[in-house]
């Protein structure tokens, strides 16, 4: 089991991790913690637009989502439509490149990392798991 899963309530431990336990264990831990779990299946996803569509679908982003990097930042740092004591973003069937160019992959990873920090500063855990 991933050592991060038992620590879901710890904002200081939150971050981006490869999922080393079953998805079911993660889902049960998130449910037990009362966290919002956003489950995005990235199988076959290629390109920024398709990644953003997959994330929008998984998180049920508000209709006004702009489908660009800035909009992704805005949404991940708001989440007011799904208030919870913490958040888990599960990215399933992830390829090593996230289906993105190296530049876009770096931007996406920076956004995930910055989102973790944003929520940590508000004493709420935000986890990203790659499965």
Protein backbone atom coordinates (compact mmCIF):
# COMPACT_ATOMS: atom_id res chain seq x y z
CA UNK A 1 0.00 0.00 0.00
CA UNK A 2 1.17 3.55 -0.74
CA UNK A 3 2.36 5.18 2.46
CA UNK A 4 0.47 8.33 1.42
CA UNK A 5 -2.97 6.71 1.65
CA UNK A 6 -3.10 6.45 5.47
CA UNK A 7 -1.98 10.09 5.65
CA UNK A 8 -4.75 11.57 3.50
CA UNK A 9 -5.76 13.93 6.32
CA UNK A 10 -2.25 15.37 6.59
CA UNK A 11 -1.92 18.50 4.38
CA UNK A 12 1.87 18.51 4.86
CA UNK A 13 2.13 15.03 3.30
CA UNK A 14 -0.19 15.80 0.38
CA UNK A 15 1.32 15.87 -3.07
CA UNK A 16 1.57 14.06 -6.38
CA UNK A 17 2.19 10.33 -6.03
CA UNK A 18 2.20 7.15 -8.06
CA UNK A 19 -0.60 5.01 -6.67
CA UNK A 20 0.97 1.92 -5.10
CA UNK A 21 -2.23 0.43 -3.70
CA UNK A 22 -5.45 -0.59 -5.34
CA UNK A 23 -7.87 2.05 -6.53
CA UNK A 24 -10.44 0.53 -4.17
CA UNK A 25 -8.18 1.11 -1.14
CA UNK A 26 -7.69 4.73 -2.18
CA UNK A 27 -11.42 5.25 -2.77
CA UNK A 28 -12.24 3.72 0.63
CA UNK A 29 -9.65 5.93 2.35
CA UNK A 30 -10.95 9.06 0.61
CA UNK A 31 -14.53 8.14 1.51
CA UNK A 32 -13.59 7.47 5.15
CA UNK A 33 -11.89 10.89 5.29
CA UNK A 34 -14.93 12.60 3.74
CA UNK A 35 -12.80 13.84 0.84
CA UNK A 36 -14.08 14.68 -2.62
CA UNK A 37 -12.61 12.15 -5.06
CA UNK A 38 -12.25 13.17 -8.70
CA UNK A 39 -11.65 10.09 -10.83
CA UNK A 40 -10.32 10.80 -14.33
CA UNK A 41 -9.73 7.97 -16.80
CA UNK A 42 -6.95 9.09 -19.14
CA UNK A 43 -6.82 5.94 -21.24
CA UNK A 44 -6.02 6.97 -24.80
CA UNK A 45 -6.02 10.68 -23.95
CA UNK A 46 -3.69 12.60 -26.23
CA UNK A 47 -3.17 16.33 -26.23
CA UNK A 48 -3.96 19.23 -23.94
CA UNK A 49 -7.56 19.66 -25.10
CA UNK A 50 -8.41 16.01 -24.46
CA UNK A 51 -6.72 16.05 -21.06
CA UNK A 52 -8.71 19.13 -20.06
CA UNK A 53 -11.94 17.50 -21.28
CA UNK A 54 -11.20 14.36 -19.23
CA UNK A 55 -10.48 16.45 -16.12
CA UNK A 56 -13.62 18.53 -16.64
CA UNK A 57 -15.72 15.39 -16.93
CA UNK A 58 -14.21 13.79 -13.82
CA UNK A 59 -14.56 16.85 -11.62
CA UNK A 60 -17.86 18.07 -13.02
CA UNK A 61 -16.35 21.51 -13.52
CA UNK A 62 -18.82 24.37 -13.75
CA UNK A 63 -20.24 25.03 -17.21
CA UNK A 64 -18.15 28.17 -17.62
CA UNK A 65 -14.88 26.16 -17.61
CA UNK A 66 -12.68 27.73 -20.28
CA UNK A 67 -10.75 24.59 -21.32
CA UNK A 68 -7.30 26.16 -21.03
CA UNK A 69 -4.50 26.01 -18.49
CA UNK A 70 -5.58 29.19 -16.69
CA UNK A 71 -9.12 27.84 -16.34
CA UNK A 72 -7.76 24.58 -14.92
CA UNK A 73 -5.83 26.52 -12.28
CA UNK A 74 -8.91 28.59 -11.44
CA UNK A 75 -11.11 25.54 -11.05
CA UNK A 76 -8.67 23.41 -9.04
CA UNK A 77 -8.11 26.32 -6.66
CA UNK A 78 -11.82 27.01 -6.19
CA UNK A 79 -13.77 23.72 -5.86
CA UNK A 80 -16.57 25.62 -4.08
CA UNK A 81 -19.14 23.47 -5.88
CA UNK A 82 -17.74 20.41 -4.06
CA UNK A 83 -16.70 21.66 -0.64
CA UNK A 84 -14.88 18.98 1.35
CA UNK A 85 -12.22 18.72 4.06
CA UNK A 86 -9.77 17.52 1.39
CA UNK A 87 -9.48 16.48 -2.24
CA UNK A 88 -8.12 13.54 -4.21
CA UNK A 89 -7.53 13.71 -7.95
CA UNK A 90 -7.11 10.17 -9.27
CA UNK A 91 -5.66 9.96 -12.76
CA UNK A 92 -6.22 6.41 -14.04
CA UNK A 93 -4.54 4.73 -17.00
CA UNK A 94 -1.88 7.42 -17.12
CA UNK A 95 0.81 7.12 -19.73
CA UNK A 96 4.31 8.26 -18.77
CA UNK A 97 3.77 11.41 -20.87
CA UNK A 98 0.16 12.07 -19.81
CA UNK A 99 -0.47 12.04 -23.56
CA UNK A 100 1.05 15.52 -23.77
CA UNK A 101 3.99 17.22 -25.42
CA UNK A 102 6.92 17.73 -23.06
CA UNK A 103 6.05 21.43 -22.66
CA UNK A 104 2.38 20.73 -21.87
CA UNK A 105 3.33 17.87 -19.54
CA UNK A 106 5.57 20.23 -17.60
CA UNK A 107 2.77 22.82 -17.39
CA UNK A 108 0.25 20.20 -16.20
CA UNK A 109 2.67 18.89 -13.55
CA UNK A 110 3.38 22.45 -12.37
CA UNK A 111 -0.37 23.08 -12.08
CA UNK A 112 -0.85 19.90 -10.02
CA UNK A 113 2.10 20.79 -7.77
CA UNK A 114 0.95 24.40 -7.35
CA UNK A 115 -2.58 23.23 -6.52
CA UNK A 116 -1.22 21.01 -3.73
CA UNK A 117 0.64 24.02 -2.30
CA UNK A 118 -2.39 26.31 -2.68
CA UNK A 119 -4.60 23.96 -0.64
CA UNK A 120 -1.82 23.21 1.86
CA UNK A 121 -1.67 26.94 2.64
CA UNK A 122 -5.39 26.69 3.46
CA UNK A 123 -4.77 23.64 5.65
CA UNK A 124 -6.64 21.32 3.29
CA UNK A 125 -5.01 18.28 1.71
CA UNK A 126 -5.06 18.02 -2.08
CA UNK A 127 -3.67 14.78 -3.46
CA UNK A 128 -2.93 13.75 -7.04
CA UNK A 129 -2.51 10.02 -7.62
CA UNK A 130 -1.27 8.57 -10.90
CA UNK A 131 -2.56 5.04 -11.49
